[in-house]
Amino acid sequence: MVRSVLDRAGESHPEQLAVESLERMLASGAGIGITELICHPGYRDRRLVSSYLAEREVEITTLCDPRMPAILEALGLALTRHGVLGRNEASLS
């Protein structure tokens, strides 16, 4: 899986950033413990030079979609932030 992502580096595939795609990724890839989702949500900024400008807005739309809380709950996933991970580490083992 990692190889296929790296092989397509630099290509734009905004269809893979839709709510349904994120739900499939989380359902098949998130296991017991901590799963980190890396993304770069945001809005277009004329000062930002990036080949990822359009995708940033698609990501923010997907992550803020009103269906996401129910999807996360149905998958048994909870959002957190890095600052609390060290405190919760003992309860995950």
Protein backbone atom coordinates (compact mmCIF):
# COMPACT_ATOMS: atom_id res chain seq x y z
CA MET A 1 0.00 0.00 0.00
CA VAL A 2 2.74 2.48 0.87
CA ARG A 3 4.46 1.76 -2.42
CA SER A 4 1.35 2.61 -4.44
CA VAL A 5 0.98 5.92 -2.62
CA LEU A 6 4.64 6.79 -3.19
CA ASP A 7 4.43 5.78 -6.84
CA ARG A 8 1.73 8.40 -7.37
CA ALA A 9 3.49 11.17 -5.47
CA GLY A 10 2.82 14.53 -7.06
CA GLU A 11 -0.46 13.51 -8.68
CA SER A 12 -3.74 15.03 -7.60
CA HIS A 13 -6.58 12.67 -6.67
CA PRO A 14 -9.16 14.79 -4.82
CA GLU A 15 -11.76 12.03 -5.25
CA GLN A 16 -9.74 10.01 -2.74
CA LEU A 17 -10.29 12.73 -0.14
CA ALA A 18 -14.10 12.41 -0.02
CA VAL A 19 -15.97 11.39 3.13
CA GLU A 20 -16.66 7.92 1.71
CA SER A 21 -12.98 7.38 0.94
CA LEU A 22 -11.92 8.50 4.41
CA GLU A 23 -14.49 6.18 5.96
CA ARG A 24 -13.14 3.23 3.94
CA MET A 25 -9.55 4.07 4.89
CA LEU A 26 -10.40 4.32 8.58
CA ALA A 27 -12.49 1.13 8.53
CA SER A 28 -9.71 -0.89 6.93
CA GLY A 29 -6.65 0.80 8.37
CA ALA A 30 -7.37 1.89 11.93
CA GLY A 31 -6.65 -0.87 14.40
CA ILE A 32 -6.40 -1.18 18.13
CA GLY A 33 -4.26 1.53 19.66
CA ILE A 34 -3.33 4.82 18.08
CA THR A 35 -3.74 5.60 14.41
CA GLU A 36 -2.40 8.91 13.16
CA LEU A 37 -4.11 10.55 10.22
CA ILE A 38 -1.83 13.02 8.52
CA CYS A 39 -3.39 15.68 6.36
CA HIS A 40 -3.01 19.34 5.56
CA PRO A 41 -6.48 20.91 5.68
CA GLY A 42 -6.78 24.60 5.02
CA TYR A 43 -7.85 27.30 2.66
CA ARG A 44 -6.12 28.55 -0.46
CA ASP A 45 -3.69 31.31 0.27
CA ARG A 46 -2.05 33.28 -2.54
CA ARG A 47 1.15 33.44 -0.51
CA LEU A 48 1.40 29.67 -0.07
CA VAL A 49 3.34 27.92 -2.80
CA SER A 50 2.25 24.29 -2.91
CA SER A 51 1.15 21.68 -5.40
CA TYR A 52 -1.45 20.70 -2.81
CA LEU A 53 -3.59 23.86 -2.69
CA ALA A 54 -6.83 22.41 -4.09
CA GLU A 55 -6.59 19.31 -1.91
CA ARG A 56 -6.28 21.40 1.26
CA GLU A 57 -9.82 22.74 0.79
CA VAL A 58 -11.19 19.29 -0.06
CA GLU A 59 -9.63 17.93 3.14
CA ILE A 60 -11.14 20.63 5.31
CA THR A 61 -14.54 20.01 3.73
CA THR A 62 -14.23 16.27 4.38
CA LEU A 63 -12.99 16.61 7.96
CA CYS A 64 -15.73 19.12 8.82
CA ASP A 65 -18.49 17.15 7.13
CA PRO A 66 -21.43 16.69 9.54
CA ARG A 67 -21.39 12.92 8.88
CA MET A 68 -17.89 12.46 10.29
CA PRO A 69 -18.76 12.31 14.03
CA ALA A 70 -21.24 9.47 13.42
CA ILE A 71 -18.75 7.65 11.18
CA LEU A 72 -16.04 7.87 13.84
CA GLU A 73 -18.44 6.68 16.54
CA ALA A 74 -19.64 3.75 14.41
CA LEU A 75 -16.02 2.70 13.85
CA GLY A 76 -15.23 3.01 17.55
CA LEU A 77 -12.71 5.78 16.93
CA ALA A 78 -12.09 8.86 19.04
CA LEU A 79 -10.23 12.02 18.14
CA THR A 80 -7.47 13.28 20.38
CA ARG A 81 -4.46 15.56 20.21
CA HIS A 82 -0.76 14.90 20.61
CA GLY A 83 -0.57 16.50 24.04
CA VAL A 84 -2.71 13.84 25.69
CA LEU A 85 -1.14 10.78 24.07
CA GLY A 86 1.66 10.38 26.62
CA ARG A 87 -0.82 10.49 29.51
CA ASN A 88 -3.05 7.84 27.87
CA GLU A 89 -0.24 5.55 26.73
CA ALA A 90 -0.42 3.29 29.78
CA SER A 91 -4.12 2.64 29.27
CA LEU A 92 -3.52 1.51 25.66
CA SER A 93 -1.18 -1.35 26.50
